PDB file of N, CA and C in Angstrom:
ATOM      1  N   ALA A   1     -70.154 -29.274  27.414  1.00  0.00           N
ATOM      2  CA  ALA A   1     -71.031 -29.326  26.242  1.00  0.00           C
ATOM      3  C   ALA A   1     -71.359 -27.912  25.781  1.00  0.00           C
ATOM      4  N   MET A   2     -71.418 -27.733  24.468  1.00  0.00           N
ATOM      5  CA  MET A   2     -71.739 -26.419  23.925  1.00  0.00           C
ATOM      6  C   MET A   2     -73.224 -26.132  24.091  1.00  0.00           C
ATOM      7  N   ARG A   3     -73.518 -24.871  24.343  1.00  0.00           N
ATOM      8  CA  ARG A   3     -74.913 -24.450  24.355  1.00  0.00           C
ATOM      9  C   ARG A   3     -75.398 -24.323  22.927  1.00  0.00           C
ATOM     10  N   CYS A   4     -76.713 -24.264  22.792  1.00  0.00           N
ATOM     11  CA  CYS A   4     -77.333 -24.249  21.468  1.00  0.00           C
ATOM     12  C   CYS A   4     -76.832 -23.077  20.616  1.00  0.00           C
ATOM     13  N   GLN A   5     -76.729 -21.886  21.202  1.00  0.00           N
ATOM     14  CA  GLN A   5     -76.261 -20.717  20.446  1.00  0.00           C
ATOM     15  C   GLN A   5     -74.813 -20.908  19.999  1.00  0.00           C
ATOM     16  N   GLU A   6     -73.973 -21.466  20.873  1.00  0.00           N
ATOM     17  CA  GLU A   6     -72.583 -21.730  20.504  1.00  0.00           C
ATOM     18  C   GLU A   6     -72.511 -22.749  19.381  1.00  0.00           C
ATOM     19  N   GLU A   7     -73.358 -23.781  19.452  1.00  0.00           N
ATOM     20  CA  GLU A   7     -73.391 -24.791  18.392  1.00  0.00           C
ATOM     21  C   GLU A   7     -73.764 -24.164  17.060  1.00  0.00           C
ATOM     22  N   ARG A   8     -74.728 -23.251  17.076  1.00  0.00           N
ATOM     23  CA  ARG A   8     -75.131 -22.577  15.840  1.00  0.00           C
ATOM     24  C   ARG A   8     -73.997 -21.734  15.276  1.00  0.00           C
ATOM     25  N   GLU A   9     -73.281 -21.032  16.146  1.00  0.00           N
ATOM     26  CA  GLU A   9     -72.174 -20.187  15.687  1.00  0.00           C
ATOM     27  C   GLU A   9     -71.035 -21.028  15.111  1.00  0.00           C
ATOM     28  N   VAL A  10     -70.704 -22.135  15.776  1.00  0.00           N
ATOM     29  CA  VAL A  10     -69.659 -23.028  15.267  1.00  0.00           C
ATOM     30  C   VAL A  10     -70.118 -23.670  13.963  1.00  0.00           C
ATOM     31  N   CYS A  11     -71.385 -24.052  13.909  1.00  0.00           N
ATOM     32  CA  CYS A  11     -71.964 -24.627  12.689  1.00  0.00           C
ATOM     33  C   CYS A  11     -71.801 -23.651  11.519  1.00  0.00           C
ATOM     34  N   ASN A  12     -72.138 -22.385  11.737  1.00  0.00           N
ATOM     35  CA  ASN A  12     -72.015 -21.366  10.697  1.00  0.00           C
ATOM     36  C   ASN A  12     -70.564 -21.163  10.290  1.00  0.00           C
ATOM     37  N   ALA A  13     -69.666 -21.149  11.260  1.00  0.00           N
ATOM     38  CA  ALA A  13     -68.247 -20.959  10.966  1.00  0.00           C
ATOM     39  C   ALA A  13     -67.705 -22.117  10.134  1.00  0.00           C
ATOM     40  N   LEU A  14     -68.069 -23.347  10.506  1.00  0.00           N
ATOM     41  CA  LEU A  14     -67.617 -24.513   9.757  1.00  0.00           C
ATOM     42  C   LEU A  14     -68.171 -24.511   8.340  1.00  0.00           C
ATOM     43  N   MET A  15     -69.425 -24.087   8.193  1.00  0.00           N
ATOM     44  CA  MET A  15     -70.005 -24.007   6.856  1.00  0.00           C
ATOM     45  C   MET A  15     -69.241 -22.975   6.023  1.00  0.00           C
ATOM     46  N   GLY A  16     -68.915 -21.843   6.633  1.00  0.00           N
ATOM     47  CA  GLY A  16     -68.139 -20.819   5.942  1.00  0.00           C
ATOM     48  C   GLY A  16     -66.772 -21.326   5.518  1.00  0.00           C
ATOM     49  N   LEU A  17     -66.116 -22.065   6.405  1.00  0.00           N
ATOM     50  CA  LEU A  17     -64.820 -22.649   6.066  1.00  0.00           C
ATOM     51  C   LEU A  17     -64.966 -23.645   4.912  1.00  0.00           C
ATOM     52  N   GLY A  18     -66.033 -24.433   4.948  1.00  0.00           N
ATOM     53  CA  GLY A  18     -66.299 -25.357   3.857  1.00  0.00           C
ATOM     54  C   GLY A  18     -66.474 -24.627   2.536  1.00  0.00           C
ATOM     55  N   ASN A  19     -67.196 -23.507   2.569  1.00  0.00           N
ATOM     56  CA  ASN A  19     -67.399 -22.709   1.355  1.00  0.00           C
ATOM     57  C   ASN A  19     -66.076 -22.198   0.799  1.00  0.00           C
ATOM     58  N   VAL A  20     -65.213 -21.720   1.697  1.00  0.00           N
ATOM     59  CA  VAL A  20     -63.908 -21.216   1.262  1.00  0.00           C
ATOM     60  C   VAL A  20     -63.078 -22.353   0.663  1.00  0.00           C
ATOM     61  N   CYS A  21     -63.041 -23.480   1.358  1.00  0.00           N
ATOM     62  CA  CYS A  21     -62.271 -24.625   0.861  1.00  0.00           C
ATOM     63  C   CYS A  21     -62.778 -25.075  -0.505  1.00  0.00           C
ATOM     64  N   PHE A  22     -64.098 -25.126  -0.657  1.00  0.00           N
ATOM     65  CA  PHE A  22     -64.672 -25.525  -1.937  1.00  0.00           C
ATOM     66  C   PHE A  22     -64.264 -24.551  -3.036  1.00  0.00           C
ATOM     67  N   SER A  23     -64.321 -23.260  -2.731  1.00  0.00           N
ATOM     68  CA  SER A  23     -64.040 -22.250  -3.754  1.00  0.00           C
ATOM     69  C   SER A  23     -62.588 -22.260  -4.218  1.00  0.00           C
ATOM     70  N   VAL A  24     -61.674 -22.756  -3.379  1.00  0.00           N
ATOM     71  CA  VAL A  24     -60.262 -22.814  -3.778  1.00  0.00           C
ATOM     72  C   VAL A  24     -59.836 -24.223  -4.194  1.00  0.00           C
ATOM     73  N   GLY A  25     -60.809 -25.129  -4.339  1.00  0.00           N
ATOM     74  CA  GLY A  25     -60.519 -26.455  -4.847  1.00  0.00           C
ATOM     75  C   GLY A  25     -60.045 -27.469  -3.826  1.00  0.00           C
ATOM     76  N   GLU A  26     -60.165 -27.154  -2.542  1.00  0.00           N
ATOM     77  CA  GLU A  26     -59.798 -28.107  -1.478  1.00  0.00           C
ATOM     78  C   GLU A  26     -61.029 -28.937  -1.134  1.00  0.00           C
ATOM     79  N   HIS A  27     -61.396 -29.822  -2.046  1.00  0.00           N
ATOM     80  CA  HIS A  27     -62.670 -30.525  -1.941  1.00  0.00           C
ATOM     81  C   HIS A  27     -62.773 -31.461  -0.746  1.00  0.00           C
ATOM     82  N   GLU A  28     -61.720 -32.203  -0.467  1.00  0.00           N
ATOM     83  CA  GLU A  28     -61.786 -33.146   0.664  1.00  0.00           C
ATOM     84  C   GLU A  28     -61.955 -32.404   1.989  1.00  0.00           C
ATOM     85  N   ILE A  29     -61.248 -31.290   2.141  1.00  0.00           N
ATOM     86  CA  ILE A  29     -61.374 -30.502   3.377  1.00  0.00           C
ATOM     87  C   ILE A  29     -62.764 -29.875   3.443  1.00  0.00           C
ATOM     88  N   ALA A  30     -63.281 -29.436   2.298  1.00  0.00           N
ATOM     89  CA  ALA A  30     -64.630 -28.861   2.265  1.00  0.00           C
ATOM     90  C   ALA A  30     -65.648 -29.875   2.769  1.00  0.00           C
ATOM     91  N   ILE A  31     -65.527 -31.128   2.312  1.00  0.00           N
ATOM     92  CA  ILE A  31     -66.455 -32.168   2.769  1.00  0.00           C
ATOM     93  C   ILE A  31     -66.345 -32.340   4.281  1.00  0.00           C
ATOM     94  N   GLU A  32     -65.131 -32.361   4.796  1.00  0.00           N
ATOM     95  CA  GLU A  32     -64.947 -32.500   6.255  1.00  0.00           C
ATOM     96  C   GLU A  32     -65.620 -31.361   7.010  1.00  0.00           C
ATOM     97  N   MET A  33     -65.423 -30.127   6.541  1.00  0.00           N
ATOM     98  CA  MET A  33     -66.023 -28.967   7.213  1.00  0.00           C
ATOM     99  C   MET A  33     -67.548 -29.032   7.137  1.00  0.00           C
ATOM    100  N   TYR A  34     -68.061 -29.356   5.966  1.00  0.00           N
ATOM    101  CA  TYR A  34     -69.519 -29.458   5.814  1.00  0.00           C
ATOM    102  C   TYR A  34     -70.096 -30.572   6.681  1.00  0.00           C
ATOM    103  N   GLU A  35     -69.411 -31.715   6.755  1.00  0.00           N
ATOM    104  CA  GLU A  35     -69.933 -32.815   7.567  1.00  0.00           C
ATOM    105  C   GLU A  35     -69.907 -32.490   9.050  1.00  0.00           C
ATOM    106  N   GLU A  36     -68.853 -31.800   9.507  1.00  0.00           N
ATOM    107  CA  GLU A  36     -68.824 -31.380  10.916  1.00  0.00           C
ATOM    108  C   GLU A  36     -69.935 -30.379  11.194  1.00  0.00           C
ATOM    109  N   SER A  37     -70.122 -29.447  10.260  1.00  0.00           N
ATOM    110  CA  SER A  37     -71.183 -28.462  10.404  1.00  0.00           C
ATOM    111  C   SER A  37     -72.552 -29.139  10.386  1.00  0.00           C
ATOM    112  N   LEU A  38     -72.723 -30.127   9.510  1.00  0.00           N
ATOM    113  CA  LEU A  38     -73.979 -30.875   9.426  1.00  0.00           C
ATOM    114  C   LEU A  38     -74.290 -31.563  10.749  1.00  0.00           C
ATOM    115  N   HIS A  39     -73.283 -32.169  11.348  1.00  0.00           N
ATOM    116  CA  HIS A  39     -73.474 -32.831  12.643  1.00  0.00           C
ATOM    117  C   HIS A  39     -74.019 -31.842  13.673  1.00  0.00           C
ATOM    118  N   LEU A  40     -73.425 -30.656  13.735  1.00  0.00           N
ATOM    119  CA  LEU A  40     -73.884 -29.650  14.696  1.00  0.00           C
ATOM    120  C   LEU A  40     -75.268 -29.117  14.330  1.00  0.00           C
ATOM    121  N   ALA A  41     -75.530 -28.958  13.041  1.00  0.00           N
ATOM    122  CA  ALA A  41     -76.842 -28.464  12.615  1.00  0.00           C
ATOM    123  C   ALA A  41     -77.940 -29.433  13.049  1.00  0.00           C
ATOM    124  N   LEU A  42     -77.693 -30.721  12.847  1.00  0.00           N
ATOM    125  CA  LEU A  42     -78.682 -31.720  13.249  1.00  0.00           C
ATOM    126  C   LEU A  42     -78.833 -31.764  14.765  1.00  0.00           C
ATOM    127  N   LYS A  43     -77.707 -31.665  15.463  1.00  0.00           N
ATOM    128  CA  LYS A  43     -77.724 -31.710  16.924  1.00  0.00           C
ATOM    129  C   LYS A  43     -78.497 -30.528  17.514  1.00  0.00           C
ATOM    130  N   SER A  44     -78.395 -29.367  16.858  1.00  0.00           N
ATOM    131  CA  SER A  44     -79.043 -28.171  17.401  1.00  0.00           C
ATOM    132  C   SER A  44     -80.388 -27.876  16.729  1.00  0.00           C
ATOM    133  N   GLY A  45     -80.899 -28.832  15.945  1.00  0.00           N
ATOM    134  CA  GLY A  45     -82.238 -28.695  15.382  1.00  0.00           C
ATOM    135  C   GLY A  45     -82.374 -27.717  14.237  1.00  0.00           C
ATOM    136  N   GLN A  46     -81.296 -27.465  13.511  1.00  0.00           N
ATOM    137  CA  GLN A  46     -81.334 -26.528  12.386  1.00  0.00           C
ATOM    138  C   GLN A  46     -81.610 -27.290  11.086  1.00  0.00           C
ATOM    139  N   LYS A  47     -82.864 -27.640  10.850  1.00  0.00           N
ATOM    140  CA  LYS A  47     -83.242 -28.475   9.712  1.00  0.00           C
ATOM    141  C   LYS A  47     -82.896 -27.826   8.376  1.00  0.00           C
ATOM    142  N   LYS A  48     -83.236 -26.546   8.211  1.00  0.00           N
ATOM    143  CA  LYS A  48     -82.953 -25.878   6.940  1.00  0.00           C
ATOM    144  C   LYS A  48     -81.448 -25.779   6.699  1.00  0.00           C
ATOM    145  N   ARG A  49     -80.696 -25.514   7.744  1.00  0.00           N
ATOM    146  CA  ARG A  49     -79.244 -25.446   7.607  1.00  0.00           C
ATOM    147  C   ARG A  49     -78.698 -26.818   7.238  1.00  0.00           C
ATOM    148  N   ALA A  50     -79.221 -27.862   7.855  1.00  0.00           N
ATOM    149  CA  ALA A  50     -78.778 -29.223   7.547  1.00  0.00           C
ATOM    150  C   ALA A  50     -79.043 -29.551   6.082  1.00  0.00           C
ATOM    151  N   ASP A  51     -80.221 -29.166   5.565  1.00  0.00           N
ATOM    152  CA  ASP A  51     -80.534 -29.407   4.161  1.00  0.00           C
ATOM    153  C   ASP A  51     -79.572 -28.649   3.251  1.00  0.00           C
ATOM    154  N   SER A  52     -79.243 -27.407   3.611  1.00  0.00           N
ATOM    155  CA  SER A  52     -78.292 -26.624   2.825  1.00  0.00           C
ATOM    156  C   SER A  52     -76.919 -27.285   2.811  1.00  0.00           C
ATOM    157  N   LEU A  53     -76.525 -27.824   3.940  1.00  0.00           N
ATOM    158  CA  LEU A  53     -75.217 -28.485   4.019  1.00  0.00           C
ATOM    159  C   LEU A  53     -75.185 -29.758   3.189  1.00  0.00           C
ATOM    160  N   LYS A  54     -76.269 -30.526   3.194  1.00  0.00           N
ATOM    161  CA  LYS A  54     -76.329 -31.724   2.355  1.00  0.00           C
ATOM    162  C   LYS A  54     -76.216 -31.334   0.883  1.00  0.00           C
ATOM    163  N   TYR A  55     -76.867 -30.246   0.518  1.00  0.00           N
ATOM    164  CA  TYR A  55     -76.786 -29.750  -0.854  1.00  0.00           C
ATOM    165  C   TYR A  55     -75.344 -29.340  -1.178  1.00  0.00           C
ATOM    166  N   ASN A  56     -74.682 -28.637  -0.248  1.00  0.00           N
ATOM    167  CA  ASN A  56     -73.294 -28.229  -0.456  1.00  0.00           C
ATOM    168  C   ASN A  56     -72.384 -29.444  -0.612  1.00  0.00           C
ATOM    169  N   ILE A  57     -72.612 -30.458   0.202  1.00  0.00           N
ATOM    170  CA  ILE A  57     -71.815 -31.690   0.094  1.00  0.00           C
ATOM    171  C   ILE A  57     -72.037 -32.302  -1.289  1.00  0.00           C
ATOM    172  N   GLY A  58     -73.279 -32.278  -1.760  1.00  0.00           N
ATOM    173  CA  GLY A  58     -73.571 -32.754  -3.107  1.00  0.00           C
ATOM    174  C   GLY A  58     -72.793 -31.977  -4.163  1.00  0.00           C
ATOM    175  N   ASN A  59     -72.695 -30.659  -3.985  1.00  0.00           N
ATOM    176  CA  ASN A  59     -71.934 -29.839  -4.930  1.00  0.00           C
ATOM    177  C   ASN A  59     -70.468 -30.250  -4.981  1.00  0.00           C
ATOM    178  N   VAL A  60     -69.899 -30.588  -3.824  1.00  0.00           N
ATOM    179  CA  VAL A  60     -68.495 -31.000  -3.790  1.00  0.00           C
ATOM    180  C   VAL A  60     -68.329 -32.316  -4.538  1.00  0.00           C
ATOM    181  N   TYR A  61     -69.215 -33.263  -4.268  1.00  0.00           N
ATOM    182  CA  TYR A  61     -69.121 -34.548  -4.970  1.00  0.00           C
ATOM    183  C   TYR A  61     -69.316 -34.362  -6.470  1.00  0.00           C
ATOM    184  N   TRP A  62     -70.217 -33.455  -6.859  1.00  0.00           N
ATOM    185  CA  TRP A  62     -70.406 -33.176  -8.278  1.00  0.00           C
ATOM    186  C   TRP A  62     -69.102 -32.644  -8.884  1.00  0.00           C
ATOM    187  N   ALA A  63     -68.458 -31.711  -8.184  1.00  0.00           N
ATOM    188  CA  ALA A  63     -67.201 -31.134  -8.670  1.00  0.00           C
ATOM    189  C   ALA A  63     -66.116 -32.202  -8.792  1.00  0.00           C
ATOM    190  N   LEU A  64     -66.176 -33.215  -7.947  1.00  0.00           N
ATOM    191  CA  LEU A  64     -65.206 -34.313  -7.996  1.00  0.00           C
ATOM    192  C   LEU A  64     -65.567 -35.348  -9.067  1.00  0.00           C
ATOM    193  N   GLY A  65     -66.734 -35.194  -9.694  1.00  0.00           N
ATOM    194  CA  GLY A  65     -67.160 -36.136 -10.717  1.00  0.00           C
ATOM    195  C   GLY A  65     -67.842 -37.376 -10.171  1.00  0.00           C
ATOM    196  N   ASN A  66     -68.130 -37.374  -8.865  1.00  0.00           N
ATOM    197  CA  ASN A  66     -68.830 -38.502  -8.236  1.00  0.00           C
ATOM    198  C   ASN A  66     -70.331 -38.203  -8.277  1.00  0.00           C
ATOM    199  N   PHE A  67     -70.932 -38.430  -9.458  1.00  0.00           N
ATOM    200  CA  PHE A  67     -72.318 -38.028  -9.668  1.00  0.00           C
ATOM    201  C   PHE A  67     -73.301 -38.835  -8.836  1.00  0.00           C
ATOM    202  N   ASP A  68     -72.989 -40.113  -8.583  1.00  0.00           N
ATOM    203  CA  ASP A  68     -73.899 -40.932  -7.777  1.00  0.00           C
ATOM    204  C   ASP A  68     -73.999 -40.396  -6.353  1.00  0.00           C
ATOM    205  N   GLU A  69     -72.859 -40.068  -5.750  1.00  0.00           N
ATOM    206  CA  GLU A  69     -72.894 -39.538  -4.380  1.00  0.00           C
ATOM    207  C   GLU A  69     -73.465 -38.124  -4.355  1.00  0.00           C
ATOM    208  N   ALA A  70     -73.192 -37.358  -5.408  1.00  0.00           N
ATOM    209  CA  ALA A  70     -73.795 -36.019  -5.498  1.00  0.00           C
ATOM    210  C   ALA A  70     -75.317 -36.144  -5.507  1.00  0.00           C
ATOM    211  N   ALA A  71     -75.829 -37.060  -6.331  1.00  0.00           N
ATOM    212  CA  ALA A  71     -77.273 -37.267  -6.406  1.00  0.00           C
ATOM    213  C   ALA A  71     -77.832 -37.731  -5.071  1.00  0.00           C
ATOM    214  N   ASN A  72     -77.090 -38.593  -4.382  1.00  0.00           N
ATOM    215  CA  ASN A  72     -77.507 -39.068  -3.065  1.00  0.00           C
ATOM    216  C   ASN A  72     -77.649 -37.898  -2.093  1.00  0.00           C
ATOM    217  N   GLN A  73     -76.647 -37.022  -2.079  1.00  0.00           N
ATOM    218  CA  GLN A  73     -76.690 -35.871  -1.168  1.00  0.00           C
ATOM    219  C   GLN A  73     -77.799 -34.892  -1.555  1.00  0.00           C
ATOM    220  N   TYR A  74     -77.944 -34.635  -2.857  1.00  0.00           N
ATOM    221  CA  TYR A  74     -79.032 -33.753  -3.294  1.00  0.00           C
ATOM    222  C   TYR A  74     -80.382 -34.346  -2.907  1.00  0.00           C
ATOM    223  N   GLY A  75     -80.514 -35.658  -3.072  1.00  0.00           N
ATOM    224  CA  GLY A  75     -81.758 -36.317  -2.700  1.00  0.00           C
ATOM    225  C   GLY A  75     -82.061 -36.168  -1.223  1.00  0.00           C
ATOM    226  N   LYS A  76     -81.031 -36.289  -0.384  1.00  0.00           N
ATOM    227  CA  LYS A  76     -81.219 -36.092   1.059  1.00  0.00           C
ATOM    228  C   LYS A  76     -81.647 -34.667   1.360  1.00  0.00           C
ATOM    229  N   SER A  77     -81.057 -33.703   0.661  1.00  0.00           N
ATOM    230  CA  SER A  77     -81.363 -32.303   0.969  1.00  0.00           C
ATOM    231  C   SER A  77     -82.780 -31.934   0.563  1.00  0.00           C
ATOM    232  N   TYR A  78     -83.325 -32.623  -0.457  1.00  0.00           N
ATOM    233  CA  TYR A  78     -84.668 -32.299  -0.932  1.00  0.00           C
ATOM    234  C   TYR A  78     -85.716 -33.306  -0.484  1.00  0.00           C
ATOM    235  N   HIS A  79     -85.380 -34.162   0.452  1.00  0.00           N
ATOM    236  CA  HIS A  79     -86.278 -35.229   0.886  1.00  0.00           C
ATOM    237  C   HIS A  79     -87.654 -34.689   1.279  1.00  0.00           C
ATOM    238  N   ASP A  80     -87.687 -33.560   1.946  1.00  0.00           N
ATOM    239  CA  ASP A  80     -88.951 -33.021   2.437  1.00  0.00           C
ATOM    240  C   ASP A  80     -89.796 -32.366   1.356  1.00  0.00           C
ATOM    241  N   PHE A  81     -89.257 -32.257   0.158  1.00  0.00           N
ATOM    242  CA  PHE A  81     -90.014 -31.613  -0.901  1.00  0.00           C
ATOM    243  C   PHE A  81     -90.812 -32.599  -1.736  1.00  0.00           C
ATOM    244  N   GLY A  82     -90.847 -33.873  -1.324  1.00  0.00           N
ATOM    245  CA  GLY A  82     -91.717 -34.857  -1.949  1.00  0.00           C
ATOM    246  C   GLY A  82     -91.270 -35.345  -3.311  1.00  0.00           C
ATOM    247  N   LEU A  83     -89.972 -35.443  -3.543  1.00  0.00           N
ATOM    248  CA  LEU A  83     -89.509 -35.999  -4.805  1.00  0.00           C
ATOM    249  C   LEU A  83     -89.884 -37.466  -4.882  1.00  0.00           C
ATOM    250  N   LYS A  84     -89.989 -37.973  -6.104  1.00  0.00           N
ATOM    251  CA  LYS A  84     -90.314 -39.380  -6.307  1.00  0.00           C
ATOM    252  C   LYS A  84     -89.249 -40.265  -5.668  1.00  0.00           C
ATOM    253  N   LYS A  85     -89.630 -41.476  -5.359  1.00  0.00           N
ATOM    254  CA  LYS A  85     -88.744 -42.402  -4.654  1.00  0.00           C
ATOM    255  C   LYS A  85     -87.443 -42.643  -5.404  1.00  0.00           C
ATOM    256  N   ASP A  86     -87.501 -42.692  -6.724  1.00  0.00           N
ATOM    257  CA  ASP A  86     -86.309 -42.979  -7.514  1.00  0.00           C
ATOM    258  C   ASP A  86     -85.573 -41.713  -7.941  1.00  0.00           C
ATOM    259  N   ALA A  87     -85.817 -40.606  -7.236  1.00  0.00           N
ATOM    260  CA  ALA A  87     -85.223 -39.332  -7.633  1.00  0.00           C
ATOM    261  C   ALA A  87     -83.703 -39.375  -7.638  1.00  0.00           C
ATOM    262  N   CYS A  88     -83.101 -40.082  -6.693  1.00  0.00           N
ATOM    263  CA  CYS A  88     -81.638 -40.096  -6.617  1.00  0.00           C
ATOM    264  C   CYS A  88     -81.020 -40.750  -7.844  1.00  0.00           C
ATOM    265  N   SER A  89     -81.557 -41.883  -8.281  1.00  0.00           N
ATOM    266  CA  SER A  89     -80.985 -42.530  -9.463  1.00  0.00           C
ATOM    267  C   SER A  89     -81.259 -41.691 -10.705  1.00  0.00           C
ATOM    268  N   LEU A  90     -82.419 -41.074 -10.776  1.00  0.00           N
ATOM    269  CA  LEU A  90     -82.734 -40.202 -11.889  1.00  0.00           C
ATOM    270  C   LEU A  90     -81.803 -38.999 -11.902  1.00  0.00           C
ATOM    271  N   LEU A  91     -81.593 -38.419 -10.729  1.00  0.00           N
ATOM    272  CA  LEU A  91     -80.718 -37.261 -10.628  1.00  0.00           C
ATOM    273  C   LEU A  91     -79.285 -37.622 -11.007  1.00  0.00           C
ATOM    274  N   SER A  92     -78.837 -38.795 -10.612  1.00  0.00           N
ATOM    275  CA  SER A  92     -77.503 -39.241 -10.984  1.00  0.00           C
ATOM    276  C   SER A  92     -77.379 -39.320 -12.502  1.00  0.00           C
ATOM    277  N   GLY A  93     -78.384 -39.886 -13.139  1.00  0.00           N
ATOM    278  CA  GLY A  93     -78.378 -39.955 -14.596  1.00  0.00           C
ATOM    279  C   GLY A  93     -78.387 -38.570 -15.214  1.00  0.00           C
ATOM    280  N   TYR A  94     -79.177 -37.680 -14.634  1.00  0.00           N
ATOM    281  CA  TYR A  94     -79.235 -36.295 -15.106  1.00  0.00           C
ATOM    282  C   TYR A  94     -77.871 -35.635 -15.012  1.00  0.00           C
ATOM    283  N   LEU A  95     -77.204 -35.807 -13.877  1.00  0.00           N
ATOM    284  CA  LEU A  95     -75.900 -35.178 -13.699  1.00  0.00           C
ATOM    285  C   LEU A  95     -74.887 -35.695 -14.708  1.00  0.00           C
ATOM    286  N   LYS A  96     -74.937 -36.979 -14.983  1.00  0.00           N
ATOM    287  CA  LYS A  96     -74.019 -37.556 -15.970  1.00  0.00           C
ATOM    288  C   LYS A  96     -74.325 -37.005 -17.360  1.00  0.00           C
ATOM    289  N   MET A  97     -75.618 -36.901 -17.698  1.00  0.00           N
ATOM    290  CA  MET A  97     -75.977 -36.346 -19.004  1.00  0.00           C
ATOM    291  C   MET A  97     -75.623 -34.873 -19.077  1.00  0.00           C
ATOM    292  N   TRP A  98     -75.853 -34.155 -17.983  1.00  0.00           N
ATOM    293  CA  TRP A  98     -75.553 -32.727 -17.953  1.00  0.00           C
ATOM    294  C   TRP A  98     -74.075 -32.489 -18.192  1.00  0.00           C
ATOM    295  N   ALA A  99     -73.244 -33.344 -17.635  1.00  0.00           N
ATOM    296  CA  ALA A  99     -71.802 -33.207 -17.842  1.00  0.00           C
ATOM    297  C   ALA A  99     -71.467 -33.353 -19.327  1.00  0.00           C
ATOM    298  N   ALA A 100     -72.282 -34.119 -20.049  1.00  0.00           N
ATOM    299  CA  ALA A 100     -72.043 -34.330 -21.474  1.00  0.00           C
ATOM    300  C   ALA A 100     -72.670 -33.230 -22.334  1.00  0.00           C
ATOM    301  N   ASP A 101     -73.962 -32.888 -22.060  1.00  0.00           N
ATOM    302  CA  ASP A 101     -74.631 -31.859 -22.885  1.00  0.00           C
ATOM    303  C   ASP A 101     -75.777 -31.224 -22.113  1.00  0.00           C
ATOM    304  N   GLY A 102     -75.477 -30.227 -21.342  1.00  0.00           N
ATOM    305  CA  GLY A 102     -76.373 -29.584 -20.395  1.00  0.00           C
ATOM    306  C   GLY A 102     -77.823 -29.378 -20.744  1.00  0.00           C
ATOM    307  N   CYS A 103     -78.146 -28.662 -21.788  1.00  0.00           N
ATOM    308  CA  CYS A 103     -79.529 -28.231 -22.020  1.00  0.00           C
ATOM    309  C   CYS A 103     -80.505 -29.381 -22.175  1.00  0.00           C
ATOM    310  N   GLN A 104     -80.194 -30.355 -23.001  1.00  0.00           N
ATOM    311  CA  GLN A 104     -81.119 -31.457 -23.224  1.00  0.00           C
ATOM    312  C   GLN A 104     -81.330 -32.266 -21.954  1.00  0.00           C
ATOM    313  N   ALA A 105     -80.253 -32.489 -21.203  1.00  0.00           N
ATOM    314  CA  ALA A 105     -80.383 -33.234 -19.954  1.00  0.00           C
ATOM    315  C   ALA A 105     -81.240 -32.461 -18.957  1.00  0.00           C
ATOM    316  N   HIS A 106     -81.081 -31.157 -18.922  1.00  0.00           N
ATOM    317  CA  HIS A 106     -81.858 -30.335 -17.996  1.00  0.00           C
ATOM    318  C   HIS A 106     -83.344 -30.457 -18.312  1.00  0.00           C
ATOM    319  N   THR A 107     -83.692 -30.430 -19.584  1.00  0.00           N
ATOM    320  CA  THR A 107     -85.087 -30.590 -19.991  1.00  0.00           C
ATOM    321  C   THR A 107     -85.604 -31.968 -19.582  1.00  0.00           C
ATOM    322  N   TYR A 108     -84.814 -32.994 -19.817  1.00  0.00           N
ATOM    323  CA  TYR A 108     -85.189 -34.356 -19.439  1.00  0.00           C
ATOM    324  C   TYR A 108     -85.443 -34.450 -17.941  1.00  0.00           C
ATOM    325  N   PHE A 109     -84.545 -33.871 -17.171  1.00  0.00           N
ATOM    326  CA  PHE A 109     -84.659 -33.913 -15.718  1.00  0.00           C
ATOM    327  C   PHE A 109     -85.961 -33.261 -15.269  1.00  0.00           C
ATOM    328  N   ASN A 110     -86.261 -32.080 -15.775  1.00  0.00           N
ATOM    329  CA  ASN A 110     -87.474 -31.384 -15.357  1.00  0.00           C
ATOM    330  C   ASN A 110     -88.727 -32.154 -15.733  1.00  0.00           C
ATOM    331  N   VAL A 111     -88.755 -32.745 -16.914  1.00  0.00           N
ATOM    332  CA  VAL A 111     -89.928 -33.498 -17.347  1.00  0.00           C
ATOM    333  C   VAL A 111     -90.107 -34.757 -16.503  1.00  0.00           C
ATOM    334  N   GLN A 112     -89.031 -35.493 -16.280  1.00  0.00           N
ATOM    335  CA  GLN A 112     -89.123 -36.763 -15.553  1.00  0.00           C
ATOM    336  C   GLN A 112     -89.406 -36.564 -14.067  1.00  0.00           C
ATOM    337  N   LEU A 113     -88.784 -35.561 -13.471  1.00  0.00           N
ATOM    338  CA  LEU A 113     -88.866 -35.422 -12.021  1.00  0.00           C
ATOM    339  C   LEU A 113     -90.017 -34.528 -11.590  1.00  0.00           C
ATOM    340  N   PHE A 114     -90.279 -33.488 -12.339  1.00  0.00           N
ATOM    341  CA  PHE A 114     -91.269 -32.513 -11.919  1.00  0.00           C
ATOM    342  C   PHE A 114     -92.485 -32.462 -12.833  1.00  0.00           C
ATOM    343  N   GLY A 115     -92.466 -33.237 -13.946  1.00  0.00           N
ATOM    344  CA  GLY A 115     -93.509 -33.168 -14.963  1.00  0.00           C
ATOM    345  C   GLY A 115     -94.862 -33.650 -14.502  1.00  0.00           C
TER     346      GLY A 115
END
């Protein structure tokens, strides 16, 4: 079994690999790297790192056009910040509108979610 410090180092390395894969358009591999890193982050008690990884996974799904899953992942990453219960469905709608016309959707999102 890996020690906690080793788990953190592997977690960081996997996250870095996920970032590289995402940046070159290897989205499926990026998700795999982020999910493996997330598993280690949760196992080793790295809550902030786990939230960052959920957000990164959301970014990959957004890039793939899967706005519902992107919203789900973003919602998981911000769970501790007290968003409204329906934040994920609202965020999904926001992402779809943003893909169509950014500024107006962004204003709608801020008013509905944070207003």
